[in-house]
Every structure is written in structure tokens, then in C-alpha cells.
C-alpha atoms as a PDB file:
ATOM      1  CA  MET A   1     -31.916  57.107 156.020  1.00  0.00           C
ATOM      2  CA  LEU A   2     -32.834  59.917 153.670  1.00  0.00           C
ATOM      3  CA  ARG A   3     -34.732  59.069 150.549  1.00  0.00           C
ATOM      4  CA  ALA A   4     -34.726  61.305 147.507  1.00  0.00           C
ATOM      5  CA  ARG A   5     -38.135  62.176 146.203  1.00  0.00           C
ATOM      6  CA  VAL A   6     -38.457  62.603 142.449  1.00  0.00           C
ATOM      7  CA  ARG A   7     -41.286  64.746 141.208  1.00  0.00           C
ATOM      8  CA  PRO A   8     -43.383  63.169 138.435  1.00  0.00           C
ATOM      9  CA  THR A   9     -42.828  66.163 136.149  1.00  0.00           C
ATOM     10  CA  ARG A  10     -39.054  65.855 136.543  1.00  0.00           C
ATOM     11  CA  LEU A  11     -39.237  62.085 135.932  1.00  0.00           C
ATOM     12  CA  PHE A  12     -41.158  62.696 132.709  1.00  0.00           C
ATOM     13  CA  SER A  13     -38.843  65.423 131.443  1.00  0.00           C
ATOM     14  CA  HIS A  14     -35.634  63.515 132.199  1.00  0.00           C
ATOM     15  CA  CYS A  15     -36.646  59.914 131.445  1.00  0.00           C
ATOM     16  CA  LEU A  16     -39.909  59.445 129.584  1.00  0.00           C
ATOM     17  CA  ALA A  17     -39.827  62.433 127.241  1.00  0.00           C
ATOM     18  CA  PRO A  18     -36.598  61.378 125.445  1.00  0.00           C
ATOM     19  CA  LEU A  19     -37.917  57.822 125.130  1.00  0.00           C
ATOM     20  CA  ILE A  20     -41.216  58.988 123.641  1.00  0.00           C
ATOM     21  CA  ALA A  21     -39.388  61.325 121.288  1.00  0.00           C
ATOM     22  CA  SER A  22     -37.174  58.479 120.057  1.00  0.00           C
ATOM     23  CA  LEU A  23     -40.197  56.230 119.541  1.00  0.00           C
ATOM     24  CA  MET A  24     -41.915  58.972 117.573  1.00  0.00           C
ATOM     25  CA  GLY A  25     -38.838  59.206 115.413  1.00  0.00           C
ATOM     26  CA  VAL A  26     -39.028  55.476 114.691  1.00  0.00           C
ATOM     27  CA  VAL A  27     -42.727  55.745 113.824  1.00  0.00           C
ATOM     28  CA  SER A  28     -42.141  58.723 111.565  1.00  0.00           C
ATOM     29  CA  SER A  29     -39.482  56.782 109.643  1.00  0.00           C
ATOM     30  CA  ILE A  30     -41.916  54.011 108.707  1.00  0.00           C
ATOM     31  CA  ALA A  31     -42.934  54.308 105.069  1.00  0.00           C
ATOM     32  CA  SER A  32     -46.621  54.940 104.485  1.00  0.00           C
ATOM     33  CA  PRO A  33     -48.551  54.606 101.222  1.00  0.00           C
ATOM     34  CA  VAL A  34     -50.410  57.822 102.108  1.00  0.00           C
ATOM     35  CA  GLU A  35     -48.900  61.080 100.865  1.00  0.00           C
ATOM     36  CA  LEU A  36     -50.005  64.701 101.256  1.00  0.00           C
ATOM     37  CA  LEU A  37     -49.192  67.164  98.478  1.00  0.00           C
ATOM     38  CA  ILE A  38     -49.608  70.886  99.140  1.00  0.00           C
ATOM     39  CA  SER A  39     -49.500  73.488  96.361  1.00  0.00           C
ATOM     40  CA  VAL A  40     -48.717  77.039  97.463  1.00  0.00           C
ATOM     41  CA  PRO A  41     -49.971  78.746  94.267  1.00  0.00           C
ATOM     42  CA  ASP A  42     -53.209  76.724  94.308  1.00  0.00           C
ATOM     43  CA  GLN A  43     -53.621  76.945  98.101  1.00  0.00           C
ATOM     44  CA  SER A  44     -54.723  73.307  97.887  1.00  0.00           C
ATOM     45  CA  LEU A  45     -53.883  69.954  99.435  1.00  0.00           C
ATOM     46  CA  ALA A  46     -54.295  66.497  97.894  1.00  0.00           C
ATOM     47  CA  VAL A  47     -54.330  63.188  99.761  1.00  0.00           C
ATOM     48  CA  LEU A  48     -52.868  60.315  97.741  1.00  0.00           C
ATOM     49  CA  CYS A  49     -52.608  56.630  98.541  1.00  0.00           C
ATOM     50  CA  ASP A  50     -50.415  54.504  96.262  1.00  0.00           C
ATOM     51  CA  GLY A  51     -50.768  57.152  93.566  1.00  0.00           C
ATOM     52  CA  GLU A  52     -54.559  57.382  93.758  1.00  0.00           C
ATOM     53  CA  VAL A  53     -56.076  60.725  94.752  1.00  0.00           C
ATOM     54  CA  LEU A  54     -58.390  60.240  97.738  1.00  0.00           C
ATOM     55  CA  GLY A  55     -59.371  63.863  98.138  1.00  0.00           C
ATOM     56  CA  LYS A  56     -58.511  67.507  97.469  1.00  0.00           C
ATOM     57  CA  PHE A  57     -59.003  70.361  99.939  1.00  0.00           C
ATOM     58  CA  ARG A  58     -58.510  74.108 100.157  1.00  0.00           C
ATOM     59  CA  VAL A  59     -55.790  75.345 102.539  1.00  0.00           C
ATOM     60  CA  SER A  60     -54.041  78.534 103.617  1.00  0.00           C
ATOM     61  CA  THR A  61     -50.267  78.989 103.780  1.00  0.00           C
ATOM     62  CA  SER A  62     -48.349  81.881 105.342  1.00  0.00           C
ATOM     63  CA  LYS A  63     -49.097  85.513 104.553  1.00  0.00           C
ATOM     64  CA  PHE A  64     -45.406  86.196 105.210  1.00  0.00           C
ATOM     65  CA  GLY A  65     -44.195  84.067 102.334  1.00  0.00           C
ATOM     66  CA  LEU A  66     -41.992  80.970 102.175  1.00  0.00           C
ATOM     67  CA  GLY A  67     -39.000  79.974 104.297  1.00  0.00           C
ATOM     68  CA  ASP A  68     -37.796  78.176 107.400  1.00  0.00           C
ATOM     69  CA  ASP A  69     -36.103  80.834 109.512  1.00  0.00           C
ATOM     70  CA  ARG A  70     -37.053  80.915 113.171  1.00  0.00           C
ATOM     71  CA  GLY A  71     -39.422  83.741 113.968  1.00  0.00           C
ATOM     72  CA  SER A  72     -40.136  84.377 110.301  1.00  0.00           C
ATOM     73  CA  TYR A  73     -43.723  83.045 110.367  1.00  0.00           C
ATOM     74  CA  LYS A  74     -43.098  81.698 106.859  1.00  0.00           C
ATOM     75  CA  THR A  75     -44.241  78.363 105.432  1.00  0.00           C
ATOM     76  CA  PRO A  76     -41.320  76.026 104.706  1.00  0.00           C
ATOM     77  CA  LEU A  77     -41.056  74.055 101.455  1.00  0.00           C
ATOM     78  CA  GLY A  78     -39.870  70.518 100.708  1.00  0.00           C
ATOM     79  CA  ASP A  79     -40.394  67.059 102.173  1.00  0.00           C
ATOM     80  CA  PHE A  80     -41.811  66.426 105.639  1.00  0.00           C
ATOM     81  CA  ARG A  81     -43.087  63.569 107.766  1.00  0.00           C
ATOM     82  CA  VAL A  82     -46.082  63.575 110.088  1.00  0.00           C
ATOM     83  CA  CYS A  83     -44.363  63.135 113.444  1.00  0.00           C
ATOM     84  CA  ASP A  84     -47.397  63.547 115.713  1.00  0.00           C
ATOM     85  CA  LYS A  85     -51.181  63.766 115.573  1.00  0.00           C
ATOM     86  CA  VAL A  86     -53.260  65.641 118.142  1.00  0.00           C
ATOM     87  CA  GLY A  87     -56.986  65.974 118.723  1.00  0.00           C
ATOM     88  CA  GLY A  88     -58.391  62.622 117.652  1.00  0.00           C
ATOM     89  CA  GLY A  89     -62.007  62.370 118.795  1.00  0.00           C
ATOM     90  CA  LEU A  90     -62.414  66.062 119.648  1.00  0.00           C
ATOM     91  CA  PRO A  91     -65.526  67.833 118.319  1.00  0.00           C
ATOM     92  CA  LEU A  92     -65.283  70.300 115.458  1.00  0.00           C
ATOM     93  CA  GLY A  93     -64.109  73.675 116.687  1.00  0.00           C
ATOM     94  CA  ALA A  94     -62.412  72.340 119.841  1.00  0.00           C
ATOM     95  CA  VAL A  95     -59.701  74.846 120.776  1.00  0.00           C
ATOM     96  CA  LEU A  96     -56.131  73.538 121.067  1.00  0.00           C
ATOM     97  CA  SER A  97     -53.395  75.400 122.917  1.00  0.00           C
ATOM     98  CA  SER A  98     -49.853  74.018 123.106  1.00  0.00           C
ATOM     99  CA  ARG A  99     -51.311  70.842 121.522  1.00  0.00           C
ATOM    100  CA  HIS A 100     -53.810  70.345 124.357  1.00  0.00           C
ATOM    101  CA  ALA A 101     -57.581  70.789 124.306  1.00  0.00           C
ATOM    102  CA  THR A 102     -58.740  73.727 126.424  1.00  0.00           C
ATOM    103  CA  GLY A 103     -62.343  72.539 126.584  1.00  0.00           C
ATOM    104  CA  GLU A 104     -63.580  75.532 124.601  1.00  0.00           C
ATOM    105  CA  ILE A 105     -65.455  74.950 121.347  1.00  0.00           C
ATOM    106  CA  LEU A 106     -65.784  77.663 118.725  1.00  0.00           C
ATOM    107  CA  GLN A 107     -68.164  77.978 115.836  1.00  0.00           C
ATOM    108  CA  PRO A 108     -66.624  78.676 112.415  1.00  0.00           C
ATOM    109  CA  ASN A 109     -65.697  82.336 111.901  1.00  0.00           C
ATOM    110  CA  ALA A 110     -66.195  83.254 115.538  1.00  0.00           C
ATOM    111  CA  LYS A 111     -65.705  87.017 115.733  1.00  0.00           C
ATOM    112  CA  GLY A 112     -62.296  88.137 116.964  1.00  0.00           C
ATOM    113  CA  ARG A 113     -60.957  84.597 117.474  1.00  0.00           C
ATOM    114  CA  ASP A 114     -58.168  82.869 115.542  1.00  0.00           C
ATOM    115  CA  PRO A 115     -56.920  79.860 117.547  1.00  0.00           C
ATOM    116  CA  ILE A 116     -55.880  76.407 116.359  1.00  0.00           C
ATOM    117  CA  VAL A 117     -58.923  74.122 116.469  1.00  0.00           C
ATOM    118  CA  THR A 118     -60.123  70.543 115.893  1.00  0.00           C
ATOM    119  CA  ARG A 119     -56.966  68.619 114.780  1.00  0.00           C
ATOM    120  CA  ILE A 120     -53.190  68.945 114.442  1.00  0.00           C
ATOM    121  CA  LEU A 121     -50.767  67.071 112.205  1.00  0.00           C
ATOM    122  CA  TRP A 122     -47.262  68.095 113.305  1.00  0.00           C
ATOM    123  CA  LEU A 123     -44.666  68.237 110.519  1.00  0.00           C
ATOM    124  CA  ASP A 124     -41.015  67.236 110.824  1.00  0.00           C
ATOM    125  CA  GLY A 125     -38.750  68.567 108.061  1.00  0.00           C
ATOM    126  CA  GLN A 126     -36.666  66.007 106.173  1.00  0.00           C
ATOM    127  CA  GLU A 127     -34.385  68.422 104.302  1.00  0.00           C
ATOM    128  CA  ALA A 128     -31.893  71.157 105.095  1.00  0.00           C
ATOM    129  CA  CYS A 129     -34.353  73.737 103.778  1.00  0.00           C
ATOM    130  CA  ASN A 130     -36.982  72.795 106.387  1.00  0.00           C
ATOM    131  CA  GLN A 131     -35.037  71.361 109.327  1.00  0.00           C
ATOM    132  CA  GLN A 132     -36.504  73.969 111.705  1.00  0.00           C
ATOM    133  CA  ALA A 133     -40.121  73.000 110.959  1.00  0.00           C
ATOM    134  CA  ARG A 134     -40.670  70.745 113.952  1.00  0.00           C
ATOM    135  CA  ALA A 135     -39.096  73.142 116.432  1.00  0.00           C
ATOM    136  CA  ARG A 136     -41.086  76.018 114.942  1.00  0.00           C
ATOM    137  CA  GLY A 137     -44.338  74.083 115.407  1.00  0.00           C
ATOM    138  CA  ILE A 138     -45.350  73.907 111.763  1.00  0.00           C
ATOM    139  CA  TYR A 139     -48.694  72.077 111.655  1.00  0.00           C
ATOM    140  CA  ILE A 140     -51.527  71.185 109.365  1.00  0.00           C
ATOM    141  CA  HIS A 141     -54.436  72.252 111.561  1.00  0.00           C
ATOM    142  CA  GLY A 142     -58.012  73.447 111.707  1.00  0.00           C
ATOM    143  CA  THR A 143     -58.780  77.143 111.861  1.00  0.00           C
ATOM    144  CA  ALA A 144     -61.704  79.116 113.234  1.00  0.00           C
ATOM    145  CA  GLU A 145     -61.328  81.615 110.378  1.00  0.00           C
ATOM    146  CA  GLU A 146     -62.793  79.312 107.752  1.00  0.00           C
ATOM    147  CA  ARG A 147     -63.857  82.237 105.565  1.00  0.00           C
ATOM    148  CA  ASN A 148     -60.186  82.911 104.739  1.00  0.00           C
ATOM    149  CA  VAL A 149     -59.231  79.345 103.772  1.00  0.00           C
ATOM    150  CA  GLY A 150     -57.925  79.365 100.225  1.00  0.00           C
ATOM    151  CA  LYS A 151     -55.874  82.551 100.757  1.00  0.00           C
ATOM    152  CA  PRO A 152     -52.343  82.846 102.241  1.00  0.00           C
ATOM    153  CA  VAL A 153     -53.258  84.230 105.685  1.00  0.00           C
ATOM    154  CA  SER A 154     -51.493  81.924 108.180  1.00  0.00           C
ATOM    155  CA  TYR A 155     -48.467  82.470 110.383  1.00  0.00           C
ATOM    156  CA  GLY A 156     -46.490  79.607 108.816  1.00  0.00           C
ATOM    157  CA  CYS A 157     -48.797  76.624 109.296  1.00  0.00           C
ATOM    158  CA  ILE A 158     -51.169  74.982 106.825  1.00  0.00           C
ATOM    159  CA  ARG A 159     -54.709  75.953 107.788  1.00  0.00           C
ATOM    160  CA  MET A 160     -57.819  73.969 106.890  1.00  0.00           C
ATOM    161  CA  ARG A 161     -61.549  74.009 107.568  1.00  0.00           C
ATOM    162  CA  SER A 162     -62.449  71.846 110.566  1.00  0.00           C
ATOM    163  CA  ALA A 163     -64.500  69.301 108.586  1.00  0.00           C
ATOM    164  CA  ASP A 164     -61.687  68.968 106.035  1.00  0.00           C
ATOM    165  CA  VAL A 165     -58.862  68.596 108.533  1.00  0.00           C
ATOM    166  CA  VAL A 166     -60.774  65.774 110.252  1.00  0.00           C
ATOM    167  CA  LYS A 167     -60.906  63.881 106.933  1.00  0.00           C
ATOM    168  CA  VAL A 168     -57.194  64.423 106.305  1.00  0.00           C
ATOM    169  CA  TYR A 169     -56.382  63.475 109.913  1.00  0.00           C
ATOM    170  CA  ASP A 170     -58.292  60.202 109.605  1.00  0.00           C
ATOM    171  CA  LEU A 171     -56.684  59.311 106.259  1.00  0.00           C
ATOM    172  CA  THR A 172     -53.125  60.147 107.291  1.00  0.00           C
ATOM    173  CA  PRO A 173     -51.100  57.822 109.554  1.00  0.00           C
ATOM    174  CA  LEU A 174     -48.037  58.748 111.551  1.00  0.00           C
ATOM    175  CA  GLY A 175     -44.992  58.706 109.309  1.00  0.00           C
ATOM    176  CA  ALA A 176     -46.904  59.759 106.192  1.00  0.00           C
ATOM    177  CA  SER A 177     -44.925  61.968 103.831  1.00  0.00           C
ATOM    178  CA  VAL A 178     -45.908  65.565 103.126  1.00  0.00           C
ATOM    179  CA  ARG A 179     -44.641  67.628 100.205  1.00  0.00           C
ATOM    180  CA  ILE A 180     -45.035  71.425  99.990  1.00  0.00           C
ATOM    181  CA  GLU A 181     -44.148  72.997  96.640  1.00  0.00           C
ATOM    182  CA  THR A 182     -44.541  76.104  94.515  1.00  0.00           C
ATOM    183  CA  ARG A 183     -45.865  74.042  91.594  1.00  0.00           C
ATOM    184  CA  LYS A 184     -49.508  73.668  90.628  1.00  0.00           C
ATOM    185  CA  LEU A 185     -51.254  70.748  92.300  1.00  0.00           C
ATOM    186  CA  SER A 186     -51.985  69.125  88.926  1.00  0.00           C
ATOM    187  CA  ALA A 187     -48.274  69.129  88.102  1.00  0.00           C
ATOM    188  CA  MET A 188     -47.499  67.529  91.456  1.00  0.00           C
ATOM    189  CA  THR A 189     -50.103  64.779  91.231  1.00  0.00           C
ATOM    190  CA  LYS A 190     -49.768  63.898  87.526  1.00  0.00           C
ATOM    191  CA  PRO A 191     -46.500  61.878  87.734  1.00  0.00           C
ATOM    192  CA  ARG A 192     -47.806  59.917  90.698  1.00  0.00           C
ATOM    193  CA  ILE A 193     -51.144  59.191  89.031  1.00  0.00           C
ATOM    194  CA  GLU A 194     -49.426  58.099  85.805  1.00  0.00           C
ATOM    195  CA  ALA A 195     -47.041  55.845  87.716  1.00  0.00           C
ATOM    196  CA  HIS A 196     -50.016  54.317  89.534  1.00  0.00           C
ATOM    197  CA  GLU A 197     -51.865  53.725  86.263  1.00  0.00           C
ATOM    198  CA  MET A 198     -48.768  52.107  84.723  1.00  0.00           C
ATOM    199  CA  GLN A 199     -48.451  49.839  87.741  1.00  0.00           C
ATOM    200  CA  LEU A 200     -52.113  48.829  87.492  1.00  0.00           C
ATOM    201  CA  ALA A 201     -51.709  48.132  83.756  1.00  0.00           C
ATOM    202  CA  ALA A 202     -48.626  45.991  84.412  1.00  0.00           C
ATOM    203  CA  GLU A 203     -50.453  44.040  87.133  1.00  0.00           C
ATOM    204  CA  LYS A 204     -53.396  43.508  84.774  1.00  0.00           C
ATOM    205  CA  GLU A 205     -51.123  42.192  82.018  1.00  0.00           C
ATOM    206  CA  ALA A 206     -49.338  39.904  84.480  1.00  0.00           C
ATOM    207  CA  ALA A 207     -52.672  38.518  85.695  1.00  0.00           C
ATOM    208  CA  LYS A 208     -53.776  37.989  82.097  1.00  0.00           C
ATOM    209  CA  ALA A 209     -50.539  36.152  81.275  1.00  0.00           C
ATOM    210  CA  ARG A 210     -50.981  33.906  84.319  1.00  0.00           C
ATOM    211  CA  LEU A 211     -54.547  33.102  83.246  1.00  0.00           C
ATOM    212  CA  ILE A 212     -53.456  32.250  79.702  1.00  0.00           C
ATOM    213  CA  ALA A 213     -50.640  30.059  81.010  1.00  0.00           C
ATOM    214  CA  ALA A 214     -53.018  28.234  83.327  1.00  0.00           C
ATOM    215  CA  ASN A 215     -55.543  27.594  80.536  1.00  0.00           C
ATOM    216  CA  SER A 216     -52.877  26.416  78.085  1.00  0.00           C
ATOM    217  CA  THR A 217     -51.375  23.820  80.416  1.00  0.00           C
ATOM    218  CA  PRO A 218     -51.712  20.418  78.648  1.00  0.00           C
ATOM    219  CA  ALA A 219     -54.085  18.053  80.320  1.00  0.00           C
ATOM    220  CA  VAL A 220     -52.862  14.711  81.597  1.00  0.00           C
ATOM    221  CA  ALA A 221     -53.287  12.115  78.870  1.00  0.00           C
ATOM    222  CA  SER A 222     -56.048   9.715  79.782  1.00  0.00           C
ATOM    223  CA  GLY A 223     -56.532   7.900  76.476  1.00  0.00           C
ATOM    224  CA  PRO A 224     -59.402   8.189  74.032  1.00  0.00           C
ATOM    225  CA  GLU A 225     -62.851   8.433  75.483  1.00  0.00           C
ATOM    226  CA  PRO A 226     -64.515   5.026  75.156  1.00  0.00           C
ATOM    227  CA  ALA A 227     -67.387   4.899  72.750  1.00  0.00           C
ATOM    228  CA  PRO A 228     -70.773   3.469  73.778  1.00  0.00           C
ATOM    229  CA  ARG A 229     -70.824  -0.265  74.170  1.00  0.00           C
ATOM    230  CA  HIS A 230     -73.652  -0.628  71.694  1.00  0.00           C
ATOM    231  CA  ALA A 231     -74.412   1.816  68.904  1.00  0.00           C
ATOM    232  CA  ASP A 232     -77.784   2.666  67.497  1.00  0.00           C
ATOM    233  CA  ARG A 233     -79.003  -0.479  65.770  1.00  0.00           C
ATOM    234  CA  ASN A 234     -80.608   1.505  62.973  1.00  0.00           C
ATOM    235  CA  LYS A 235     -77.529   3.680  62.204  1.00  0.00           C
ATOM    236  CA  GLU A 236     -75.648   2.711  59.082  1.00  0.00           C
ATOM    237  CA  GLU A 237     -71.986   2.226  59.868  1.00  0.00           C
ATOM    238  CA  PRO A 238     -69.295   3.256  57.383  1.00  0.00           C
ATOM    239  CA  LYS A 239     -67.324   0.492  55.771  1.00  0.00           C
ATOM    240  CA  SER A 240     -64.077  -0.190  57.601  1.00  0.00           C
ATOM    241  CA  SER A 241     -61.269  -2.663  57.625  1.00  0.00           C
ATOM    242  CA  SER A 242     -61.810  -3.690  61.240  1.00  0.00           C
ATOM    243  CA  MET A 243     -61.416  -7.243  62.345  1.00  0.00           C
ATOM    244  CA  PHE A 244     -65.196  -7.530  62.496  1.00  0.00           C
ATOM    245  CA  ASP A 245     -65.515  -6.756  58.795  1.00  0.00           C
ATOM    246  CA  LYS A 246     -62.774  -9.242  58.023  1.00  0.00           C
ATOM    247  CA  VAL A 247     -64.566 -11.933  60.000  1.00  0.00           C
ATOM    248  CA  ALA A 248     -67.865 -11.201  58.299  1.00  0.00           C
ATOM    249  CA  SER A 249     -66.246 -11.160  54.861  1.00  0.00           C
ATOM    250  CA  LYS A 250     -64.704 -14.590  55.353  1.00  0.00           C
ATOM    251  CA  PHE A 251     -67.799 -16.296  56.675  1.00  0.00           C
ATOM    252  CA  MET A 252     -70.824 -14.346  55.387  1.00  0.00           C
ATOM    253  CA  GLY A 253     -69.458 -12.545  52.362  1.00  0.00           C
ATOM    254  CA  GLY A 254     -70.345  -9.069  53.674  1.00  0.00           C
ATOM    255  CA  SER A 255     -69.989  -6.566  56.480  1.00  0.00           C
ATOM    256  CA  ILE A 256     -71.220  -6.860  60.023  1.00  0.00           C
ATOM    257  CA  LEU A 257     -74.590  -5.177  60.245  1.00  0.00           C
ATOM    258  CA  ASP A 258     -73.813  -2.961  63.228  1.00  0.00           C
ATOM    259  CA  TYR A 259     -70.911  -2.652  65.631  1.00  0.00           C
ATOM    260  CA  ASP A 260     -69.085  -0.139  67.743  1.00  0.00           C
ATOM    261  CA  VAL A 261     -66.469  -1.210  70.251  1.00  0.00           C
ATOM    262  CA  TYR A 262     -66.809  -4.699  71.598  1.00  0.00           C
ATOM    263  CA  GLU A 263     -65.049  -6.663  74.257  1.00  0.00           C
ATOM    264  CA  ARG A 264     -64.368 -10.325  74.877  1.00  0.00           C
ATOM    265  CA  GLY A 265     -67.550 -12.321  75.062  1.00  0.00           C
ATOM    266  CA  ASP A 266     -69.760  -9.766  73.315  1.00  0.00           C
ATOM    267  CA  THR A 267     -71.939 -10.891  70.419  1.00  0.00           C
ATOM    268  CA  ILE A 268     -72.071  -8.977  67.146  1.00  0.00           C
ATOM    269  CA  PRO A 269     -75.131  -9.356  64.880  1.00  0.00           C
ATOM    270  CA  ALA A 270     -73.899 -10.334  61.415  1.00  0.00           C
ATOM    271  CA  ARG A 271     -75.616 -11.006  58.113  1.00  0.00           C
ATOM    272  CA  GLY A 272     -76.426 -14.670  57.924  1.00  0.00           C
ATOM    273  CA  GLY A 273     -74.952 -16.071  61.120  1.00  0.00           C
ATOM    274  CA  GLU A 274     -72.545 -16.020  64.027  1.00  0.00           C
ATOM    275  CA  VAL A 275     -68.788 -16.606  63.938  1.00  0.00           C
ATOM    276  CA  GLN A 276     -66.464 -17.414  66.826  1.00  0.00           C
ATOM    277  CA  LEU A 277     -63.257 -15.278  66.765  1.00  0.00           C
ATOM    278  CA  PRO A 278     -60.290 -17.075  68.339  1.00  0.00           C
ATOM    279  CA  PRO A 279     -57.523 -15.128  70.145  1.00  0.00           C
ATOM    280  CA  ASN A 280     -55.186 -15.300  67.129  1.00  0.00           C
ATOM    281  CA  MET A 281     -57.825 -13.580  64.949  1.00  0.00           C
ATOM    282  CA  GLU A 282     -56.533 -15.411  61.864  1.00  0.00           C
ATOM    283  CA  THR A 283     -57.833 -18.997  62.010  1.00  0.00           C
ATOM    284  CA  LEU A 284     -61.602 -18.610  61.968  1.00  0.00           C
ATOM    285  CA  THR A 285     -64.377 -21.183  61.948  1.00  0.00           C
ATOM    286  CA  GLY A 286     -68.028 -20.386  61.616  1.00  0.00           C
ATOM    287  CA  PRO A 287     -71.167 -21.955  63.054  1.00  0.00           C
ATOM    288  CA  PRO A 288     -74.357 -22.567  61.045  1.00  0.00           C
ATOM    289  CA  VAL A 289     -76.001 -19.662  59.239  1.00  0.00           C
ATOM    290  CA  GLY A 290     -78.591 -17.732  61.234  1.00  0.00           C
ATOM    291  CA  LYS A 291     -76.500 -17.267  64.395  1.00  0.00           C
ATOM    292  CA  LYS A 292     -74.705 -14.141  65.624  1.00  0.00           C
ATOM    293  CA  LEU A 293     -71.007 -13.286  65.413  1.00  0.00           C
ATOM    294  CA  THR A 294     -69.356 -13.718  68.835  1.00  0.00           C
ATOM    295  CA  VAL A 295     -66.093 -11.945  69.635  1.00  0.00           C
ATOM    296  CA  ALA A 296     -63.780 -13.884  71.882  1.00  0.00           C
ATOM    297  CA  ARG A 297     -61.001 -11.321  72.055  1.00  0.00           C
ATOM    298  CA  SER A 298     -60.979  -8.052  73.949  1.00  0.00           C
ATOM    299  CA  ARG A 299     -60.414  -4.819  72.046  1.00  0.00           C
END
């Protein structure tokens, strides 16, 4: 029996590569709160997260102008997604060729050298005006020619200093959106910052309203707080029409000397004697003068 032998490279190209490409497409479609804005006239890049600017960096776009034609070496405009990231963990200045590390490390501004170094963020165009970007290999990447960053000197890609591209690489997840425009960076970021500030203000007002609502919720009624069983003996009580005053008026001709809130069985000192208060509170009989007033009914 003859058995066919499949080379690993052929297996990868025919089976695994399409699967990985489809998975990368799924990842790139996932919305990310991180957004990169690139201004051609300012030769600058801003990293935003939920409308908040995390950092701004100098970049270089193409010296051949703007466009998306194959072989034009121009920088395309519009909306993109980060479809792949290459170089994580490599040292600054690590040379990358065909998105693979060669093992060579260059110092910034190495004489006569202009390779891609350090990190790559591969861009996938999301519009008709930039649909060739991925096939053309349009990247955000580190450059050895750091002295020229800030001027349009690239061959279509977005060049950055190695230290800066590492920061952007670490802040930017797969699927993050990238916008390249001919507007000033301030004009690009302002609407997003204002929208973020409005959202924060709305959230603050909502939190304030919730706090006010929580504090204004009526408490469960639990009745009046009971007063002390026995008040200060030396405090003069205001005249009242309580049942204790009525009792004292009938039997002693005056007010009870001191009282607060009494319960069944308590005794109330009264001027001249003590009176027993029956449950009906109307028919009252009094003991000899000199005793205390006893309350036989609870409050």
C-alpha cells in the first residue's frame, strides 16, 4: 500500500493558513475601546481609549503622498483595523523582515540602514479607498531612521521611534480601530474628547440623582421615640392637661410635681399625697394626704 506524504509547509499553506486568516478576521472585527488617530499634516499619532487621550507621538507618513494604489508607496487614508501584531517582547532595534525577527539589532540612526525594527501593527483597510492596505503591507512600525520621524519620508507605512512604537503596541489590542486623515490632530480628537466629557458628566449626574433618591427614601415608621422613664426631679414641667394633672387637680388641688411617661404600676410624686388611678380614669378615690400618686393604667 502506498501512503501519500504531506509536507508540513504544504499542510500549513492549504489547511492552517486559511483557518488562521479567518480567525484573525474575527478578532479584527471585535470592537475595542482603543483608537489610533493619525494626522498627516501634523505627522502625529494619538492613542485614545473611550475618548480619553492616552498619549501623542510623532510619526512619518509616505514621501510619495497619499493613496492606495499597488506599487504607489503612498499612505492610504480612512478607517483601518489592526489585524495583526508582530514583535512582542523583542528588544528595541530588533530587525524584522517579512514580519519575522532576523536576530539583528540596530542602534537608532545606524548609518546606511533603513529596515523595519522593534514592532509591527499591520493595518487592514475598512473602506473602498484603502482596501489594498493589508495586501500592500501597510504597517505602523519602528524605524532605524529615528532622526527623520516627524517628516513624510516613508514608503507608505507609518513610521515611529522604537520606544514610542513599543508604547503604542502595548496599548493597542487586535481589532483596534485606526483612522488616518488630512485634518489636524486637534480637530480629530476634539469631538471624541467632548463626547467623553459629556458622557462623564451624564454619569456623574445619574450617580448624584441615585444618591439623592436613596437619601430621600422615607424611613419605616417606628413610632415616637419613648421618653425617659423618669425625668429630672428638679426640672419644672410645663402645665398640661394630661390625666396626671387631672388626677392631681381632683385630689390635691394642683399639678403633679414631676412626671414624664409612666406605665402601669409606676408611682408619681404629687403635692400632698398619693392617688390610685383606676382603669376607667374617671372614678377616682384618693388615699390619705402625704402618700404618692400611683398610676394603675399603662400609657
